[in-house]
Protein backbone atom coordinates (compact mmCIF):
# COMPACT_ATOMS: atom_id res chain seq x y z
CA MET A 1 201.59 116.98 33.48
CA ILE A 2 200.90 116.64 37.19
CA THR A 3 202.16 119.52 39.31
CA PRO A 4 203.70 118.39 42.60
CA THR A 5 202.11 119.71 45.78
CA LEU A 6 204.36 122.07 47.70
CA ASP A 7 204.77 121.95 51.45
CA SER A 8 204.16 125.11 53.45
CA ARG A 9 207.81 126.26 53.47
CA LYS A 10 208.30 125.79 49.72
CA HIS A 11 205.02 127.56 49.00
CA THR A 12 205.92 130.53 51.23
CA VAL A 13 209.41 130.82 49.74
CA LEU A 14 208.05 130.62 46.19
CA GLU A 15 205.51 133.37 46.94
CA ALA A 16 208.27 135.60 48.33
CA ILE A 17 210.50 135.00 45.30
CA VAL A 18 207.69 135.78 42.87
CA ASP A 19 206.73 138.90 44.83
CA CYS A 20 210.34 140.10 44.95
CA TYR A 21 210.90 139.43 41.25
CA ASN A 22 207.66 141.19 40.30
CA ARG A 23 208.75 144.28 42.26
CA THR A 24 212.34 144.44 40.99
CA ALA A 25 212.48 142.47 37.71
CA GLU A 26 215.91 141.27 38.84
CA PRO A 27 217.23 137.86 39.87
CA VAL A 28 216.33 137.04 43.48
CA SER A 29 219.02 135.88 45.90
CA SER A 30 218.55 134.04 49.16
CA GLN A 31 220.22 136.98 50.94
CA LYS A 32 217.62 139.37 49.52
CA ILE A 33 214.76 137.17 50.71
CA VAL A 34 216.29 136.87 54.20
CA ARG A 35 216.76 140.65 54.34
CA ASP A 36 213.39 141.72 52.91
CA TYR A 37 211.00 139.01 54.16
CA ASP A 38 210.55 137.93 57.77
CA MET A 39 210.40 134.15 57.36
CA GLY A 40 212.66 133.09 60.18
CA LEU A 41 214.82 131.07 57.78
CA SER A 42 218.57 131.22 57.35
CA ALA A 43 220.11 131.97 53.95
CA ALA A 44 221.37 128.36 53.81
CA THR A 45 217.89 126.95 54.43
CA LEU A 46 216.51 129.29 51.80
CA ARG A 47 219.15 128.19 49.27
CA ASN A 48 218.25 124.55 49.92
CA THR A 49 214.55 125.30 49.49
CA MET A 50 215.27 127.26 46.30
CA ALA A 51 217.28 124.28 45.00
CA ASP A 52 214.30 122.01 45.74
CA LEU A 53 212.00 124.40 43.87
CA GLU A 54 214.41 124.38 40.94
CA GLU A 55 214.44 120.56 40.87
CA LEU A 56 210.63 120.60 40.86
CA GLY A 57 210.64 122.99 37.89
CA TYR A 58 209.29 126.06 39.69
CA LEU A 59 212.51 128.08 39.41
CA THR A 60 215.46 128.40 37.11
CA SER A 61 218.84 129.61 38.19
CA LYS A 62 221.09 131.98 36.34
CA VAL A 63 224.63 131.42 37.54
CA ILE A 64 227.23 133.89 36.40
CA ALA A 65 230.79 132.71 36.83
CA SER A 66 233.48 135.27 37.36
CA THR A 67 237.20 134.91 37.03
CA SER A 68 240.01 136.98 38.33
CA THR A 69 243.46 137.49 36.94
CA ALA A 70 246.63 138.30 38.80
């Protein structure tokens, strides 16, 4: 399998996510990366980059749906 080459932004974001996960062993949110790493990216840009990394197979996402009752 050929691994796609990552551009600079994707590579930097992936490194931050791996670093954060290795330190906390918890899922990593875009908000956490914005708060803890000085990348100069907005949370929305980070989410888009994370989605790209997921499409490329570098990340998986664990979405937990919640419901509320009245």
